[in-house]
Amino acid sequence: MRSTTRWIIMHPPPSRWVSKRILSKTTSKSASPCFDVNAGFSSKVGLEHHWPTNDGIIEGVWVFVRHGDRAPSRPLSPNHKQFEEAEYWMRKLPRPDSMAAFEGFCRIFPPVIHPSNNGQFLDTTRAPFGFLTQTGLKQTNELGARLFQRYDRHGYLQRRKRYDHRRQHEFLEAWDLRVYSTNYLRTIMSAQSFLDGLLGTNCYFSIGDQMRRTVAAGVEESEERSFYGGEIRIPNHETVRIIQEECDASEALVKVKIRGPQDDTLNAFDRSPQMMSELVSVVISSTEFQERDGAAAPLAARLANILPGLARKKKNTTGFNAAPSGINWIEACDHFVCRKAHNLELSRFSDFEHDDRVESMLEAMSHQTIAHLAWRFRQWYKNPTLLANIAAPPLREISDQLMAATDMAVGGRDRRPFTIYSCHDITILGLLYGIGADFLAGDDLGGWRFWPPYASSLVFELVRIPENKGYSHVVRILLNGKPVFSVHKNEHYWAGKSPPAGRGPFQMLYAEDFNTIVSNLEEAGGRKNYMSKEDGAGGKSGMSSWTG
């Protein structure tokens, strides 16, 4: 019997159910702000060869992908409304359910999970809250397909003009494809769905095929799916082992590696919870933070009055929630982002449903809430030690691989590095601050309000360009398909007056410039090795509520 955790809702089951929308094999353009493969492309000669987005030969790729759309991390509704809200979000999960989707993906893209992760994913304790939705799978799948098109067109080609999307081995012969994820079910499934789109394996669509067969058997497509009286099958690490025992190992194309907490470069809050809590407490204790966060206390109180789940019975004295405002702002933002993604009323499942006045009030508060969350994280990332602990490990990993790739023989047959990191919003935001992203510079400018949407991609490309009758390598950085430029991270960065850090064409970074940025980040943080092994990582830290 498959090892699962079961979460049961005691209500009479309906006679029939099926999802409203059945997947088709088309990859329609998503409305989400994912990677736009056509960014900078044009049929006109000139725009096609645009250094910040195109041209040159791409010889290395490192992709950070935020997981796709998900349900809120926890219910904020009053207790008597939580079952109703849970049923709503269960109808948004992958079809026919998360376990079936996970099983399909694991045949082709099996997770390899380090045993120090304690047998459980970090986001499955409140099912269905925090779970990847069907929309989230579609977003990451389409993102993978668009990236395939990009590297089919501009990437390193090994003795051929084009890859065949139906023959995955051709892509894998040219690229040394490696995949890493945090120990969250939503990031692992996002990585698997991304790979499915990138390599054209269509195990994602086979899940839709199961539903089409259900429709063919006589179930009405328009009938709403309901799990009342049913149960959610929740994968855990033992589930992965059983799936792999049952599957043919020869089917596996690419493994998704989940490193141990102490070696995971993607989430410092889970890797070193105690140290990160202490660093956050230092920021919170500053006068500037106390004053501005305290000024947000009335907003927090109004939110908690409508969303009682934001109110905490016991006030925390350390970490994120020790601030004067007194609520978890990530959870508050969840409420707005998740509902808007599904066109759900902001007051739904509260005691103020169908109250137009409250709906308008929540709409106004949504912008203030998201802006305040972005401001809080900006304060964390102003602390050089805190920022170095978040951004230095993944950037150092990239830099070492990138510098090694510059030594590969031009035209050689060695596979080029292609690494995928499935991670969280705070990971991508930290990396942008770590490289000194130009649009984040300046406290008085509006760029700091940026927050990575679901299925965001931050791509680092190693590009070989002709220069001085020879060639050199630059690092091209793309956020959701648009170029990002680095400026020097000095005391003037927060005033928006820092000069460009790149010395290459169009102020792009040479490979050496990128390595210098990483070294400076490490030195500013006070030490070289940020992979601490003394913090008790891997336990129940509660940090899962700090990530999106």
Protein backbone atom coordinates (compact mmCIF):
# COMPACT_ATOMS: atom_id res chain seq x y z
CA MET A 1 0.00 0.00 0.00
CA ARG A 2 1.26 3.44 -0.88
CA SER A 3 2.48 5.49 2.07
CA THR A 4 0.48 8.70 2.30
CA THR A 5 -0.89 11.11 4.81
CA ARG A 6 -4.68 11.30 4.61
CA TRP A 7 -6.67 14.43 5.34
CA ILE A 8 -10.39 13.73 5.54
CA ILE A 9 -13.38 16.05 5.41
CA MET A 10 -16.54 14.52 6.84
CA HIS A 11 -19.34 15.50 4.49
CA PRO A 12 -21.62 13.45 2.22
CA PRO A 13 -19.88 12.80 -1.12
CA PRO A 14 -21.51 13.87 -4.36
CA SER A 15 -22.54 11.17 -6.81
CA ARG A 16 -20.15 12.33 -9.50
CA TRP A 17 -17.31 14.80 -9.88
CA VAL A 18 -14.88 15.97 -12.47
CA SER A 19 -12.88 19.12 -13.01
CA LYS A 20 -14.36 21.95 -14.98
CA ARG A 21 -11.51 22.43 -17.40
CA ILE A 22 -9.76 19.60 -19.19
CA LEU A 23 -6.17 20.06 -20.30
CA SER A 24 -5.42 20.19 -23.98
CA LYS A 25 -2.11 19.60 -25.66
CA THR A 26 -1.79 23.22 -26.67
CA THR A 27 0.58 25.51 -24.83
CA SER A 28 -1.40 28.71 -24.84
CA LYS A 29 0.29 31.85 -23.72
CA SER A 30 -0.08 32.25 -19.99
CA ALA A 31 -1.34 35.48 -18.52
CA SER A 32 1.16 35.11 -15.70
CA PRO A 33 4.38 37.15 -15.85
CA CYS A 34 6.57 34.21 -16.83
CA PHE A 35 9.62 34.25 -19.09
CA ASP A 36 8.75 35.81 -22.43
CA VAL A 37 10.80 34.02 -25.06
CA ASN A 38 9.98 36.79 -27.52
CA ALA A 39 11.41 39.53 -25.33
CA GLY A 40 13.77 41.44 -27.60
CA PHE A 41 12.96 39.26 -30.61
CA SER A 42 11.88 40.80 -33.91
CA SER A 43 11.63 39.87 -37.53
CA LYS A 44 13.64 43.00 -38.25
CA VAL A 45 17.38 42.52 -38.51
CA GLY A 46 19.00 44.52 -35.74
CA LEU A 47 16.56 43.85 -32.92
CA GLU A 48 17.20 40.12 -33.33
CA HIS A 49 20.83 40.80 -32.45
CA HIS A 50 20.41 42.68 -29.21
CA TRP A 51 23.15 41.95 -26.71
CA PRO A 52 21.18 42.35 -23.46
CA THR A 53 18.67 39.66 -24.53
CA ASN A 54 20.01 37.83 -27.60
CA ASP A 55 23.07 37.20 -29.75
CA GLY A 56 26.31 35.50 -28.83
CA ILE A 57 26.51 31.78 -28.11
CA ILE A 58 24.97 30.73 -24.79
CA GLU A 59 27.35 28.22 -23.22
CA GLY A 60 25.94 27.95 -19.72
CA VAL A 61 22.52 28.44 -18.15
CA TRP A 62 21.46 28.76 -14.51
CA VAL A 63 17.72 29.17 -13.98
CA PHE A 64 16.04 30.09 -10.69
CA VAL A 65 12.31 29.41 -10.89
CA ARG A 66 9.79 30.42 -8.29
CA HIS A 67 7.18 27.70 -7.89
CA GLY A 68 3.87 28.17 -9.66
CA ASP A 69 0.55 29.37 -8.33
CA ARG A 70 -0.44 27.84 -5.00
CA ALA A 71 -3.16 27.92 -2.40
CA PRO A 72 -2.58 30.28 0.57
CA SER A 73 -0.08 28.92 3.07
CA ARG A 74 -2.71 28.83 5.82
CA PRO A 75 -6.38 29.75 6.27
CA LEU A 76 -6.97 33.22 7.70
CA SER A 77 -10.75 32.86 7.76
CA PRO A 78 -12.73 32.36 11.00
CA ASN A 79 -12.92 28.78 12.25
CA HIS A 80 -16.49 28.18 11.08
CA LYS A 81 -15.51 29.12 7.50
CA GLN A 82 -12.31 27.08 7.18
CA PHE A 83 -13.85 23.85 5.83
CA GLU A 84 -15.64 25.82 3.16
CA GLU A 85 -12.41 27.58 2.21
CA ALA A 86 -10.50 24.28 2.22
CA GLU A 87 -13.00 22.77 -0.20
CA TYR A 88 -12.58 25.72 -2.54
CA TRP A 89 -8.79 25.35 -2.69
CA MET A 90 -8.98 21.57 -3.04
CA ARG A 91 -10.89 22.11 -6.26
CA LYS A 92 -7.89 24.09 -7.51
CA LEU A 93 -5.34 21.32 -6.96
CA PRO A 94 -3.83 19.33 -9.87
CA ARG A 95 -6.22 16.95 -11.57
CA PRO A 96 -7.26 14.34 -10.66
CA ASP A 97 -5.26 15.05 -7.47
CA SER A 98 -1.79 16.06 -6.31
CA MET A 99 -0.73 12.47 -5.71
CA ALA A 100 -1.64 11.40 -9.26
CA ALA A 101 0.30 14.34 -10.71
CA PHE A 102 3.27 13.59 -8.47
CA GLU A 103 3.26 9.91 -9.46
CA GLY A 104 3.23 10.80 -13.15
CA PHE A 105 6.13 13.21 -12.78
CA CYS A 106 8.19 10.89 -10.56
CA ARG A 107 8.38 8.22 -13.27
CA ILE A 108 10.36 10.56 -15.52
CA PHE A 109 11.82 13.06 -13.05
CA PRO A 110 12.36 11.18 -9.76
CA PRO A 111 13.28 13.18 -6.66
CA VAL A 112 16.47 12.21 -4.85
CA ILE A 113 15.98 13.36 -1.27
CA HIS A 114 18.75 13.55 1.30
CA PRO A 115 17.80 11.48 4.38
CA SER A 116 18.47 14.38 6.76
CA ASN A 117 15.19 15.97 5.59
CA ASN A 118 13.28 13.87 8.15
CA GLY A 119 10.86 12.10 5.83
CA GLN A 120 8.40 14.95 5.23
CA PHE A 121 8.00 17.86 2.88
CA LEU A 122 7.86 21.19 4.70
CA ASP A 123 4.60 22.42 3.17
CA THR A 124 2.16 19.51 3.51
CA THR A 125 0.97 19.82 7.11
CA ARG A 126 -2.01 22.09 6.33
CA ALA A 127 -3.34 20.45 3.15
CA PRO A 128 -4.66 21.81 0.87
CA PHE A 129 -3.17 25.11 2.03
CA GLY A 130 0.26 25.79 0.56
CA PHE A 131 -0.24 23.22 -2.22
CA LEU A 132 0.57 23.85 -5.87
CA THR A 133 -2.55 24.36 -7.96
CA GLN A 134 -3.41 23.15 -11.44
CA THR A 135 -2.72 26.70 -12.61
CA GLY A 136 0.72 26.52 -11.00
CA LEU A 137 1.59 23.34 -12.88
CA LYS A 138 0.49 24.91 -16.14
CA GLN A 139 2.57 28.05 -15.50
CA THR A 140 5.81 26.18 -14.88
CA ASN A 141 5.18 23.74 -17.74
CA GLU A 142 4.71 26.58 -20.21
CA LEU A 143 7.78 28.34 -18.82
CA GLY A 144 9.87 25.23 -19.49
CA ALA A 145 8.54 25.00 -23.05
CA ARG A 146 9.40 28.65 -23.73
CA LEU A 147 12.90 28.23 -22.38
CA PHE A 148 13.38 25.25 -24.69
CA GLN A 149 12.49 27.52 -27.61
CA ARG A 150 15.01 30.11 -26.43
CA TYR A 151 17.94 27.72 -26.14
CA ASP A 152 16.98 25.93 -29.31
CA ARG A 153 17.41 29.29 -31.00
CA HIS A 154 20.26 30.97 -29.15
CA GLY A 155 21.92 28.20 -27.16
CA TYR A 156 24.97 26.04 -27.60
CA LEU A 157 24.28 23.47 -30.33
CA GLN A 158 26.33 20.31 -30.49
CA ARG A 159 26.79 19.37 -34.15
CA ARG A 160 23.22 20.25 -35.14
CA LYS A 161 21.17 23.26 -36.15
CA ARG A 162 18.12 22.49 -34.04
CA TYR A 163 17.05 20.14 -31.28
CA ASP A 164 14.08 17.86 -31.80
CA HIS A 165 11.63 18.50 -28.96
CA ARG A 166 10.40 14.92 -29.40
CA ARG A 167 13.86 13.49 -28.83
CA GLN A 168 14.93 14.51 -25.35
CA HIS A 169 18.33 12.83 -25.58
CA GLU A 170 19.51 15.43 -28.11
CA PHE A 171 19.05 18.24 -25.58
CA LEU A 172 20.61 16.15 -22.82
CA GLU A 173 23.61 15.30 -25.00
CA ALA A 174 24.40 18.99 -25.40
CA TRP A 175 23.58 20.21 -21.89
CA ASP A 176 24.64 18.85 -18.50
CA LEU A 177 21.18 19.25 -17.00
CA ARG A 178 21.05 19.34 -13.20
CA VAL A 179 18.05 20.19 -11.06
CA TYR A 180 17.79 21.23 -7.42
CA SER A 181 14.76 21.98 -5.29
CA THR A 182 14.01 22.93 -1.73
CA ASN A 183 12.22 20.33 0.42
CA TYR A 184 8.75 21.61 -0.45
CA LEU A 185 6.24 19.58 -2.43
CA ARG A 186 5.27 22.69 -4.40
CA THR A 187 8.85 23.45 -5.49
CA ILE A 188 9.55 19.81 -6.39
CA MET A 189 6.40 19.50 -8.50
CA SER A 190 7.15 22.88 -10.09
CA ALA A 191 10.60 21.62 -11.07
CA GLN A 192 9.10 18.44 -12.51
CA SER A 193 6.47 20.34 -14.49
CA PHE A 194 9.14 22.76 -15.73
CA LEU A 195 11.24 19.82 -16.94
CA ASP A 196 8.20 18.30 -18.59
CA GLY A 197 7.77 21.50 -20.62
CA LEU A 198 11.49 21.90 -21.29
CA LEU A 199 12.00 18.35 -22.58
CA GLY A 200 8.58 17.77 -24.11
CA THR A 201 7.92 14.53 -22.24
CA ASN A 202 4.18 15.22 -21.89
CA CYS A 203 3.81 13.39 -18.59
CA TYR A 204 1.99 16.57 -17.53
CA PHE A 205 -0.59 16.09 -20.27
CA SER A 206 -1.04 12.42 -19.44
CA ILE A 207 -2.73 13.61 -16.24
CA GLY A 208 -5.22 15.50 -18.39
CA ASP A 209 -5.69 12.38 -20.50
CA GLN A 210 -6.90 10.54 -17.41
CA MET A 211 -9.59 13.18 -16.96
CA ARG A 212 -10.60 13.03 -20.63
CA ARG A 213 -11.14 9.30 -20.25
CA THR A 214 -13.36 10.06 -17.25
CA VAL A 215 -15.41 12.45 -19.36
CA ALA A 216 -15.65 9.84 -22.14
CA ALA A 217 -17.04 7.40 -19.56
CA GLY A 218 -20.05 9.67 -19.05
CA VAL A 219 -19.17 12.20 -16.35
CA GLU A 220 -20.27 15.71 -17.21
CA GLU A 221 -17.35 18.06 -17.83
CA SER A 222 -19.27 21.01 -16.39
CA GLU A 223 -19.83 19.35 -13.03
CA GLU A 224 -17.79 20.82 -10.19
CA ARG A 225 -15.30 18.57 -8.47
CA SER A 226 -15.83 18.28 -4.73
CA PHE A 227 -13.79 16.45 -2.12
CA TYR A 228 -16.40 16.59 0.61
CA GLY A 229 -16.60 13.09 2.00
CA GLY A 230 -13.37 12.26 0.19
CA GLU A 231 -9.72 12.47 1.12
CA ILE A 232 -6.54 14.08 -0.14
CA ARG A 233 -3.63 11.75 -0.72
CA ILE A 234 -0.53 13.59 0.43
CA PRO A 235 2.92 12.42 -0.72
CA ASN A 236 5.79 12.14 1.70
CA HIS A 237 9.36 10.90 1.30
CA GLU A 238 8.33 7.27 1.74
CA THR A 239 5.89 7.76 -1.13
CA VAL A 240 8.83 8.69 -3.36
CA ARG A 241 10.66 5.49 -2.46
CA ILE A 242 7.62 3.32 -3.19
CA ILE A 243 6.94 5.03 -6.53
CA GLN A 244 10.53 4.46 -7.58
CA GLU A 245 10.36 0.79 -6.63
CA GLU A 246 7.26 0.35 -8.77
CA CYS A 247 8.57 2.25 -11.80
CA ASP A 248 10.97 1.18 -14.51
CA ALA A 249 14.26 2.95 -13.72
CA SER A 250 15.04 3.21 -17.43
CA GLU A 251 12.15 5.69 -17.82
CA ALA A 252 13.90 8.30 -15.66
CA LEU A 253 15.40 11.16 -17.65
CA VAL A 254 16.51 13.72 -15.06
CA LYS A 255 16.63 13.54 -11.27
CA VAL A 256 15.47 16.36 -9.02
CA LYS A 257 17.91 16.64 -6.14
CA ILE A 258 16.78 17.80 -2.70
CA ARG A 259 19.88 18.44 -0.65
CA GLY A 260 20.11 18.18 3.10
CA PRO A 261 19.13 21.37 5.00
CA GLN A 262 22.73 22.13 5.90
CA ASP A 263 23.84 21.91 2.25
CA ASP A 264 20.85 23.57 0.61
CA THR A 265 21.93 26.87 -0.95
CA LEU A 266 18.38 27.96 -1.76
CA ASN A 267 16.77 28.79 1.58
CA ALA A 268 18.85 30.23 4.39
CA PHE A 269 15.77 30.48 6.61
CA ASP A 270 15.44 26.68 6.62
CA ARG A 271 19.19 26.04 6.56
CA SER A 272 20.08 28.24 9.54
CA PRO A 273 16.82 29.21 11.29
CA GLN A 274 18.33 30.31 14.58
CA MET A 275 21.01 32.49 13.00
CA MET A 276 18.57 34.03 10.52
CA SER A 277 16.11 34.77 13.32
CA GLU A 278 18.86 36.55 15.23
CA LEU A 279 19.90 38.58 12.17
CA VAL A 280 16.30 39.58 11.52
CA SER A 281 15.94 40.62 15.17
CA VAL A 282 18.92 42.96 14.74
CA VAL A 283 17.19 44.67 11.82
CA ILE A 284 13.88 44.89 13.67
CA SER A 285 15.50 46.55 16.68
CA SER A 286 16.68 49.54 14.60
CA THR A 287 14.92 52.86 15.19
CA GLU A 288 13.96 53.26 11.52
CA PHE A 289 12.31 49.84 11.42
CA GLN A 290 10.49 50.31 14.71
CA GLU A 291 9.02 53.61 13.57
CA ARG A 292 7.89 52.57 10.10
CA ASP A 293 6.64 49.11 11.03
CA GLY A 294 4.90 50.62 14.04
CA ALA A 295 3.14 53.03 11.70
CA ALA A 296 1.73 49.97 9.90
CA ALA A 297 0.13 48.63 13.10
CA PRO A 298 -3.29 50.23 12.35
CA LEU A 299 -3.27 48.55 8.92
CA ALA A 300 -2.37 45.24 10.57
CA ALA A 301 -5.21 45.65 13.07
CA ARG A 302 -7.76 46.34 10.32
CA LEU A 303 -6.56 43.26 8.41
CA ALA A 304 -6.75 41.05 11.50
CA ASN A 305 -10.27 42.27 12.23
CA ILE A 306 -11.44 40.90 8.88
CA LEU A 307 -8.96 37.99 8.70
CA PRO A 308 -8.78 36.63 12.26
CA GLY A 309 -6.15 34.06 11.31
CA LEU A 310 -3.62 36.90 11.24
CA ALA A 311 -4.08 37.56 14.95
CA ARG A 312 -1.64 35.62 17.11
CA LYS A 313 -2.64 34.49 20.59
CA LYS A 314 0.97 34.60 21.73
CA LYS A 315 3.16 37.52 20.70
CA ASN A 316 6.58 36.48 19.38
CA THR A 317 9.61 38.21 20.84
CA THR A 318 12.16 37.14 18.20
CA GLY A 319 12.32 36.75 14.44
CA PHE A 320 10.00 38.06 11.73
CA ASN A 321 6.89 38.41 13.86
CA ALA A 322 8.51 40.31 16.74
CA ALA A 323 8.01 43.64 14.98
CA PRO A 324 5.59 46.31 16.27
CA SER A 325 2.98 45.60 13.58
CA GLY A 326 2.53 42.13 15.07
CA ILE A 327 1.29 40.07 12.09
CA ASN A 328 2.87 37.78 9.51
CA TRP A 329 2.93 39.97 6.41
CA ILE A 330 3.71 37.08 4.06
CA GLU A 331 0.47 35.41 5.12
CA ALA A 332 -1.39 38.70 4.73
CA CYS A 333 -0.06 39.12 1.20
CA ASP A 334 -0.98 35.49 0.49
CA HIS A 335 -4.60 36.37 1.07
CA PHE A 336 -4.59 38.99 -1.66
CA VAL A 337 -2.27 37.36 -4.19
CA CYS A 338 -3.96 33.95 -4.11
CA ARG A 339 -7.47 35.35 -4.38
CA LYS A 340 -6.64 37.73 -7.20
CA ALA A 341 -4.96 34.90 -9.12
CA HIS A 342 -8.26 32.98 -9.08
CA ASN A 343 -10.65 35.94 -9.43
CA LEU A 344 -11.99 35.26 -5.94
CA GLU A 345 -13.60 37.99 -3.88
CA LEU A 346 -11.20 39.31 -1.24
CA SER A 347 -13.90 39.06 1.43
CA ARG A 348 -14.87 35.49 0.54
CA PHE A 349 -14.87 33.05 3.50
CA SER A 350 -14.85 35.92 5.99
CA ASP A 351 -17.69 37.16 8.19
CA PHE A 352 -18.07 40.08 5.76
CA GLU A 353 -18.89 38.21 2.57
CA HIS A 354 -20.92 40.15 -0.01
CA ASP A 355 -20.25 43.43 1.80
CA ASP A 356 -19.19 45.82 -0.97
CA ARG A 357 -17.79 48.27 1.53
CA VAL A 358 -15.45 45.66 3.03
CA GLU A 359 -14.51 44.42 -0.44
CA SER A 360 -13.45 47.93 -1.44
CA MET A 361 -11.59 48.36 1.82
CA LEU A 362 -9.66 45.12 1.28
CA GLU A 363 -8.81 46.13 -2.28
CA ALA A 364 -7.29 49.37 -1.00
CA MET A 365 -5.42 47.55 1.78
CA SER A 366 -3.98 44.97 -0.65
CA HIS A 367 -1.61 47.49 -2.23
CA GLN A 368 -0.49 48.81 1.15
CA THR A 369 0.08 45.26 2.43
CA ILE A 370 2.22 44.13 -0.49
CA ALA A 371 4.23 47.36 -0.43
CA HIS A 372 4.90 46.98 3.29
CA LEU A 373 6.06 43.38 2.84
CA ALA A 374 8.48 44.48 0.11
CA TRP A 375 9.76 47.28 2.37
CA ARG A 376 10.36 44.86 5.26
CA PHE A 377 12.41 42.53 3.09
CA ARG A 378 14.35 45.48 1.74
CA GLN A 379 15.37 46.21 5.32
CA TRP A 380 16.53 42.59 5.78
CA TYR A 381 18.61 42.80 2.62
CA LYS A 382 20.20 46.09 3.66
CA ASN A 383 21.94 44.09 6.39
CA PRO A 384 25.12 42.81 4.65
CA THR A 385 25.45 39.72 6.84
CA LEU A 386 21.83 38.70 6.38
CA LEU A 387 21.98 39.29 2.61
CA ALA A 388 25.23 37.36 2.30
CA ASN A 389 23.73 34.37 4.09
CA ILE A 390 20.81 34.34 1.66
CA ALA A 391 22.44 35.20 -1.66
CA ALA A 392 26.12 34.27 -1.39
CA PRO A 393 25.78 30.43 -1.36
CA PRO A 394 23.80 30.10 -4.62
CA LEU A 395 25.78 32.87 -6.33
CA ARG A 396 29.08 31.29 -5.31
CA GLU A 397 27.87 27.95 -6.67
CA ILE A 398 27.02 29.61 -9.99
CA SER A 399 30.25 31.60 -10.13
CA ASP A 400 32.46 28.54 -9.63
CA GLN A 401 30.62 26.60 -12.34
CA LEU A 402 30.57 29.61 -14.62
CA MET A 403 34.30 30.25 -14.38
CA ALA A 404 35.02 26.57 -15.06
CA ALA A 405 32.79 26.68 -18.15
CA THR A 406 34.78 29.56 -19.64
CA ASP A 407 37.73 27.17 -19.95
CA MET A 408 35.81 24.65 -22.06
CA ALA A 409 37.15 24.30 -25.59
CA VAL A 410 35.24 26.32 -28.18
CA GLY A 411 33.44 23.91 -30.46
CA GLY A 412 34.26 21.00 -28.18
CA ARG A 413 31.93 18.13 -27.43
CA ASP A 414 31.74 18.61 -23.67
CA ARG A 415 28.24 19.16 -22.37
CA ARG A 416 27.64 22.69 -21.16
CA PRO A 417 26.17 23.40 -17.70
CA PHE A 418 22.40 23.87 -17.49
CA THR A 419 21.23 24.07 -13.88
CA ILE A 420 17.68 24.59 -12.64
CA TYR A 421 16.89 25.74 -9.11
CA SER A 422 13.26 25.47 -7.99
CA CYS A 423 12.87 27.90 -5.13
CA HIS A 424 10.86 30.69 -3.51
CA ASP A 425 10.09 34.37 -3.92
CA ILE A 426 12.51 35.41 -1.18
CA THR A 427 15.30 33.43 -2.88
CA ILE A 428 14.90 35.31 -6.16
CA LEU A 429 14.50 38.65 -4.40
CA GLY A 430 17.64 38.01 -2.35
CA LEU A 431 19.64 37.13 -5.48
CA LEU A 432 18.55 40.37 -7.14
CA TYR A 433 19.74 42.38 -4.16
CA GLY A 434 22.90 40.27 -4.03
CA ILE A 435 23.93 41.18 -7.58
CA GLY A 436 22.99 44.84 -7.10
CA ALA A 437 20.08 44.87 -9.54
CA ASP A 438 19.80 48.36 -10.96
CA PHE A 439 16.02 48.65 -10.71
CA LEU A 440 16.14 48.00 -6.94
CA ALA A 441 18.60 50.84 -6.29
CA GLY A 442 17.31 53.98 -4.62
CA ASP A 443 15.02 54.15 -1.59
CA ASP A 444 13.06 57.00 -3.15
CA LEU A 445 12.37 55.17 -6.41
CA GLY A 446 9.56 52.69 -6.99
CA GLY A 447 11.57 49.63 -8.01
CA TRP A 448 11.92 48.34 -4.45
CA ARG A 449 8.20 47.49 -4.43
CA PHE A 450 8.89 44.61 -6.84
CA TRP A 451 7.87 41.16 -5.62
CA PRO A 452 8.52 38.02 -7.74
CA PRO A 453 5.22 36.67 -9.11
CA TYR A 454 4.45 32.95 -9.28
CA ALA A 455 6.57 31.08 -11.86
CA SER A 456 9.05 33.95 -12.05
CA SER A 457 12.39 33.10 -13.62
CA LEU A 458 15.78 34.63 -12.91
CA VAL A 459 18.22 33.36 -15.52
CA PHE A 460 22.00 33.71 -15.59
CA GLU A 461 23.47 32.95 -19.02
CA LEU A 462 27.15 32.52 -19.83
CA VAL A 463 27.48 34.00 -23.32
CA ARG A 464 30.50 33.75 -25.64
CA ILE A 465 30.87 36.93 -27.69
CA PRO A 466 33.35 37.98 -30.39
CA GLU A 467 35.78 40.61 -29.13
CA ASN A 468 39.16 41.91 -30.31
CA LYS A 469 39.56 39.26 -33.03
CA GLY A 470 38.92 36.61 -30.41
CA TYR A 471 36.16 36.01 -27.92
CA SER A 472 35.26 36.64 -24.30
CA HIS A 473 32.46 35.61 -21.95
CA VAL A 474 29.78 37.81 -20.45
CA VAL A 475 27.01 36.99 -17.99
CA ARG A 476 23.55 37.92 -19.21
CA ILE A 477 20.90 38.20 -16.48
CA LEU A 478 17.21 38.00 -17.37
CA LEU A 479 14.29 38.46 -15.00
CA ASN A 480 11.10 37.15 -16.60
CA GLY A 481 12.72 37.67 -20.00
CA LYS A 482 13.89 41.23 -19.44
CA PRO A 483 17.55 42.20 -18.92
CA VAL A 484 18.79 43.11 -15.46
CA PHE A 485 21.97 45.12 -15.02
CA SER A 486 24.19 45.20 -11.96
CA VAL A 487 25.46 48.33 -10.27
CA HIS A 488 28.07 48.56 -7.56
CA LYS A 489 26.74 47.66 -4.10
CA ASN A 490 28.22 50.50 -2.06
CA GLU A 491 26.75 53.01 0.35
CA HIS A 492 25.31 54.94 -2.62
CA TYR A 493 23.23 51.97 -3.84
CA TRP A 494 20.34 52.79 -1.54
CA ALA A 495 20.38 56.36 -2.89
CA GLY A 496 20.26 55.08 -6.48
CA LYS A 497 23.57 56.62 -7.54
CA SER A 498 25.83 53.59 -7.98
CA PRO A 499 27.80 53.19 -11.24
CA PRO A 500 27.47 50.07 -13.45
CA ALA A 501 29.39 47.00 -12.32
CA GLY A 502 29.65 45.51 -15.81
CA ARG A 503 32.56 46.36 -18.10
CA GLY A 504 31.30 44.41 -21.11
CA PRO A 505 29.17 45.48 -24.09
CA PHE A 506 26.04 47.39 -23.04
CA GLN A 507 27.39 47.39 -19.45
CA MET A 508 27.04 43.61 -19.26
CA LEU A 509 29.15 41.70 -16.76
CA TYR A 510 32.25 39.89 -17.87
CA ALA A 511 32.59 36.52 -16.16
CA GLU A 512 35.31 38.06 -13.99
CA ASP A 513 33.00 40.92 -13.02
CA PHE A 514 30.38 38.44 -11.84
CA ASN A 515 32.94 36.59 -9.73
CA THR A 516 34.03 39.90 -8.19
CA ILE A 517 30.43 40.74 -7.23
CA VAL A 518 30.10 37.40 -5.44
CA SER A 519 33.43 37.82 -3.64
CA ASN A 520 32.49 41.35 -2.52
CA LEU A 521 29.14 40.06 -1.25
CA GLU A 522 30.88 37.38 0.80
CA GLU A 523 33.40 39.84 2.21
CA ALA A 524 30.71 42.39 3.08
CA GLY A 525 28.96 39.69 5.08
CA GLY A 526 32.09 39.12 7.13
CA ARG A 527 33.10 35.58 6.17
CA LYS A 528 33.64 33.24 3.26
CA ASN A 529 31.64 30.14 4.17
CA TYR A 530 27.92 30.75 4.60
CA MET A 531 26.95 27.09 4.70
CA SER A 532 26.83 26.86 8.50
CA LYS A 533 26.53 23.40 10.03
CA GLU A 534 25.96 24.47 13.62
CA ASP A 535 22.39 25.72 13.61
CA GLY A 536 20.32 22.59 14.02
CA ALA A 537 18.95 22.81 10.49
CA GLY A 538 16.46 20.24 9.38
CA GLY A 539 14.22 20.36 12.41
CA LYS A 540 10.80 21.95 12.75
CA SER A 541 11.89 25.54 12.55
CA GLY A 542 8.64 27.13 11.50
CA MET A 543 10.51 28.88 8.70
CA SER A 544 8.16 27.45 6.08
CA SER A 545 5.81 30.36 6.83
CA TRP A 546 8.62 32.76 5.88
CA THR A 547 8.76 31.63 2.27
CA GLY A 548 6.37 31.96 -0.62
